[in-house]
């Protein structure tokens, strides 16, 4: 199991206490590219540009960011299971 899939499994089990660096690791593990804003990071998937997410730089992140990440990665895996 890849690092990204392990991290995804852990996020599904518990949505509390995650940091922006954890979400960055998750998105990058699934092929997303990162752009920096002043207060947020934007992640876009190059193969599926409509898959994008914004992550603010705050510790710990509100659980909504984790919920969105899990849903987005699950949709991506449904579309492209080889990732």
N, C-alpha and C. Protein backbone atom coordinates (compact mmCIF):
# COMPACT_ATOMS: atom_id res chain seq x y z
N UNK A 1 0.85 -1.18 0.00
CA UNK A 1 0.00 0.00 0.00
C UNK A 1 0.89 1.24 0.00
N UNK A 2 0.58 2.19 -0.86
CA UNK A 2 1.39 3.39 -0.98
C UNK A 2 1.17 4.32 0.22
N UNK A 3 2.08 5.26 0.37
CA UNK A 3 1.98 6.22 1.47
C UNK A 3 0.68 7.02 1.38
N UNK A 4 0.31 7.42 0.16
CA UNK A 4 -0.92 8.17 -0.03
C UNK A 4 -2.15 7.40 0.39
N UNK A 5 -2.19 6.12 0.05
CA UNK A 5 -3.36 5.30 0.42
C UNK A 5 -3.41 5.06 1.93
N UNK A 6 -2.25 4.91 2.56
CA UNK A 6 -2.22 4.77 4.02
C UNK A 6 -2.72 6.03 4.70
N UNK A 7 -2.29 7.17 4.19
CA UNK A 7 -2.72 8.44 4.75
C UNK A 7 -4.22 8.63 4.54
N UNK A 8 -4.72 8.29 3.38
CA UNK A 8 -6.16 8.38 3.10
C UNK A 8 -6.95 7.49 4.07
N UNK A 9 -6.48 6.29 4.30
CA UNK A 9 -7.16 5.37 5.21
C UNK A 9 -7.19 5.94 6.64
N UNK A 10 -6.08 6.55 7.07
CA UNK A 10 -6.03 7.16 8.40
C UNK A 10 -6.96 8.37 8.50
N UNK A 11 -7.06 9.14 7.43
CA UNK A 11 -7.96 10.30 7.44
C UNK A 11 -9.41 9.87 7.46
N UNK A 12 -9.72 8.76 6.82
CA UNK A 12 -11.09 8.25 6.86
C UNK A 12 -11.45 7.78 8.27
N UNK A 13 -10.47 7.26 8.99
CA UNK A 13 -10.71 6.75 10.34
C UNK A 13 -10.88 7.87 11.35
N UNK A 14 -10.13 8.97 11.18
CA UNK A 14 -10.22 10.09 12.10
C UNK A 14 -10.01 11.39 11.34
N UNK A 15 -10.95 12.29 11.47
CA UNK A 15 -10.89 13.55 10.73
C UNK A 15 -10.31 14.70 11.56
N UNK A 16 -9.89 14.43 12.79
CA UNK A 16 -9.41 15.47 13.69
C UNK A 16 -7.89 15.49 13.81
N UNK A 17 -7.36 16.70 14.02
CA UNK A 17 -5.95 16.86 14.35
C UNK A 17 -4.98 16.87 13.18
N UNK A 18 -5.46 17.06 11.97
CA UNK A 18 -4.59 17.05 10.80
C UNK A 18 -4.03 18.44 10.53
N UNK A 19 -2.85 18.47 9.94
CA UNK A 19 -2.18 19.73 9.62
C UNK A 19 -2.19 19.95 8.10
N UNK A 20 -1.95 21.19 7.68
CA UNK A 20 -1.86 21.46 6.25
C UNK A 20 -0.80 20.61 5.55
N UNK A 21 0.29 20.32 6.23
CA UNK A 21 1.33 19.48 5.62
C UNK A 21 0.84 18.06 5.36
N UNK A 22 -0.08 17.57 6.17
CA UNK A 22 -0.66 16.24 5.95
C UNK A 22 -1.52 16.22 4.69
N UNK A 23 -2.34 17.26 4.52
CA UNK A 23 -3.15 17.33 3.30
C UNK A 23 -2.27 17.53 2.08
N UNK A 24 -1.21 18.30 2.23
CA UNK A 24 -0.29 18.49 1.11
C UNK A 24 0.31 17.14 0.70
N UNK A 25 0.73 16.35 1.67
CA UNK A 25 1.29 15.03 1.38
C UNK A 25 0.26 14.14 0.68
N UNK A 26 -0.99 14.20 1.13
CA UNK A 26 -2.05 13.40 0.52
C UNK A 26 -2.27 13.80 -0.93
N UNK A 27 -2.47 15.08 -1.16
CA UNK A 27 -2.74 15.54 -2.53
C UNK A 27 -1.55 15.26 -3.46
N UNK A 28 -0.36 15.52 -3.01
CA UNK A 28 0.82 15.28 -3.85
C UNK A 28 1.00 13.80 -4.15
N UNK A 29 0.66 12.95 -3.19
CA UNK A 29 0.79 11.50 -3.40
C UNK A 29 -0.15 11.00 -4.49
N UNK A 30 -1.26 11.71 -4.70
CA UNK A 30 -2.22 11.31 -5.74
C UNK A 30 -2.08 12.15 -7.00
N UNK A 31 -0.94 12.82 -7.16
CA UNK A 31 -0.62 13.48 -8.42
C UNK A 31 -1.06 14.92 -8.56
N UNK A 32 -1.56 15.53 -7.51
CA UNK A 32 -1.97 16.93 -7.59
C UNK A 32 -0.74 17.82 -7.64
N UNK A 33 -0.91 19.00 -8.23
CA UNK A 33 0.14 20.01 -8.25
C UNK A 33 -0.28 21.13 -7.32
N UNK A 34 0.71 21.78 -6.71
CA UNK A 34 0.44 22.79 -5.69
C UNK A 34 0.80 24.18 -6.19
N UNK A 35 -0.09 25.14 -5.93
CA UNK A 35 0.16 26.56 -6.14
C UNK A 35 -0.04 27.27 -4.81
N UNK A 36 0.84 28.22 -4.51
CA UNK A 36 0.77 28.95 -3.25
C UNK A 36 0.01 30.26 -3.42
N UNK A 37 -0.88 30.52 -2.50
CA UNK A 37 -1.53 31.82 -2.41
C UNK A 37 -1.01 32.51 -1.16
N UNK A 38 -1.60 33.62 -0.79
CA UNK A 38 -1.11 34.34 0.38
C UNK A 38 -1.49 33.63 1.69
N UNK A 39 -2.70 33.09 1.76
CA UNK A 39 -3.14 32.41 2.98
C UNK A 39 -3.56 30.97 2.76
N UNK A 40 -3.61 30.55 1.50
CA UNK A 40 -4.07 29.21 1.17
C UNK A 40 -3.14 28.57 0.13
N UNK A 41 -3.20 27.27 0.06
CA UNK A 41 -2.55 26.52 -1.01
C UNK A 41 -3.64 25.95 -1.90
N UNK A 42 -3.41 25.96 -3.19
CA UNK A 42 -4.36 25.43 -4.15
C UNK A 42 -3.77 24.18 -4.78
N UNK A 43 -4.53 23.11 -4.79
CA UNK A 43 -4.10 21.86 -5.37
C UNK A 43 -5.00 21.54 -6.56
N UNK A 44 -4.37 21.25 -7.71
CA UNK A 44 -5.10 20.87 -8.93
C UNK A 44 -4.47 19.60 -9.49
N UNK A 45 -5.33 18.75 -10.03
CA UNK A 45 -4.82 17.54 -10.66
C UNK A 45 -4.60 17.83 -12.14
N UNK A 46 -3.39 17.58 -12.67
CA UNK A 46 -3.10 17.93 -14.06
C UNK A 46 -3.90 17.13 -15.08
N UNK A 47 -4.21 15.88 -14.77
CA UNK A 47 -4.96 15.04 -15.70
C UNK A 47 -6.46 15.34 -15.64
N UNK A 48 -6.94 15.74 -14.48
CA UNK A 48 -8.35 16.06 -14.25
C UNK A 48 -8.42 17.46 -13.62
N UNK A 49 -8.30 18.51 -14.42
CA UNK A 49 -8.19 19.86 -13.86
C UNK A 49 -9.41 20.34 -13.07
N UNK A 50 -10.54 19.69 -13.23
CA UNK A 50 -11.71 20.07 -12.45
C UNK A 50 -11.61 19.56 -11.02
N UNK A 51 -10.64 18.68 -10.74
CA UNK A 51 -10.38 18.24 -9.37
C UNK A 51 -9.40 19.23 -8.75
N UNK A 52 -9.92 20.07 -7.87
CA UNK A 52 -9.07 21.04 -7.22
C UNK A 52 -9.55 21.26 -5.79
N UNK A 53 -8.63 21.70 -4.95
CA UNK A 53 -8.95 21.94 -3.54
C UNK A 53 -8.11 23.09 -3.02
N UNK A 54 -8.67 23.81 -2.08
CA UNK A 54 -7.98 24.90 -1.40
C UNK A 54 -7.77 24.49 0.05
N UNK A 55 -6.56 24.72 0.56
CA UNK A 55 -6.24 24.37 1.93
C UNK A 55 -5.62 25.59 2.61
N UNK A 56 -6.20 26.02 3.71
CA UNK A 56 -5.63 27.16 4.41
C UNK A 56 -4.48 26.69 5.30
N UNK A 57 -3.64 27.62 5.66
CA UNK A 57 -2.49 27.31 6.51
C UNK A 57 -2.85 27.61 7.96
N UNK A 58 -3.43 26.63 8.64
CA UNK A 58 -3.81 26.77 10.04
C UNK A 58 -3.70 25.40 10.70
N UNK A 59 -3.20 25.38 11.92
CA UNK A 59 -3.09 24.12 12.66
C UNK A 59 -4.01 24.15 13.86
N UNK A 60 -4.72 23.10 14.12
CA UNK A 60 -5.09 22.03 13.20
C UNK A 60 -6.17 22.51 12.24
N UNK A 61 -6.30 21.79 11.15
CA UNK A 61 -7.31 22.15 10.15
C UNK A 61 -8.71 21.76 10.64
N UNK A 62 -9.71 22.56 10.31
CA UNK A 62 -11.09 22.14 10.59
C UNK A 62 -11.41 20.84 9.84
N UNK A 63 -12.28 20.05 10.39
CA UNK A 63 -12.58 18.73 9.81
C UNK A 63 -13.18 18.81 8.41
N UNK A 64 -13.77 19.94 8.06
CA UNK A 64 -14.35 20.09 6.72
C UNK A 64 -13.31 19.95 5.62
N UNK A 65 -12.08 20.40 5.87
CA UNK A 65 -11.02 20.24 4.89
C UNK A 65 -10.69 18.76 4.68
N UNK A 66 -10.73 18.00 5.75
CA UNK A 66 -10.43 16.57 5.66
C UNK A 66 -11.57 15.85 4.94
N UNK A 67 -12.81 16.20 5.29
CA UNK A 67 -13.97 15.61 4.61
C UNK A 67 -13.90 15.84 3.11
N UNK A 68 -13.59 17.09 2.72
CA UNK A 68 -13.50 17.42 1.29
C UNK A 68 -12.38 16.65 0.61
N UNK A 69 -11.25 16.53 1.28
CA UNK A 69 -10.10 15.82 0.70
C UNK A 69 -10.43 14.34 0.49
N UNK A 70 -11.03 13.72 1.47
CA UNK A 70 -11.38 12.30 1.37
C UNK A 70 -12.37 12.08 0.23
N UNK A 71 -13.39 12.93 0.12
CA UNK A 71 -14.37 12.80 -0.96
C UNK A 71 -13.71 13.00 -2.33
N UNK A 72 -12.85 14.00 -2.44
CA UNK A 72 -12.20 14.30 -3.71
C UNK A 72 -11.28 13.15 -4.14
N UNK A 73 -10.50 12.62 -3.22
CA UNK A 73 -9.59 11.51 -3.56
C UNK A 73 -10.40 10.26 -3.89
N UNK A 74 -11.48 10.00 -3.17
CA UNK A 74 -12.33 8.85 -3.49
C UNK A 74 -12.91 8.97 -4.90
N UNK A 75 -13.36 10.16 -5.28
CA UNK A 75 -13.87 10.38 -6.64
C UNK A 75 -12.77 10.18 -7.67
N UNK A 76 -11.58 10.66 -7.37
CA UNK A 76 -10.46 10.48 -8.28
C UNK A 76 -10.13 9.00 -8.45
N UNK A 77 -10.14 8.24 -7.36
CA UNK A 77 -9.85 6.81 -7.44
C UNK A 77 -10.95 6.04 -8.17
N UNK A 78 -12.19 6.49 -8.06
CA UNK A 78 -13.27 5.87 -8.83
C UNK A 78 -13.05 6.08 -10.32
N UNK A 79 -12.55 7.26 -10.68
CA UNK A 79 -12.33 7.61 -12.07
C UNK A 79 -11.07 6.94 -12.62
N UNK A 80 -10.04 6.86 -11.78
CA UNK A 80 -8.73 6.34 -12.21
C UNK A 80 -8.14 5.48 -11.09
N UNK A 81 -8.55 4.20 -10.99
CA UNK A 81 -8.13 3.34 -9.88
C UNK A 81 -6.63 3.03 -9.85
N UNK A 82 -5.92 3.32 -10.94
CA UNK A 82 -4.49 3.01 -10.99
C UNK A 82 -3.61 4.04 -10.29
N UNK A 83 -4.19 5.10 -9.79
CA UNK A 83 -3.40 6.12 -9.11
C UNK A 83 -2.89 5.64 -7.78
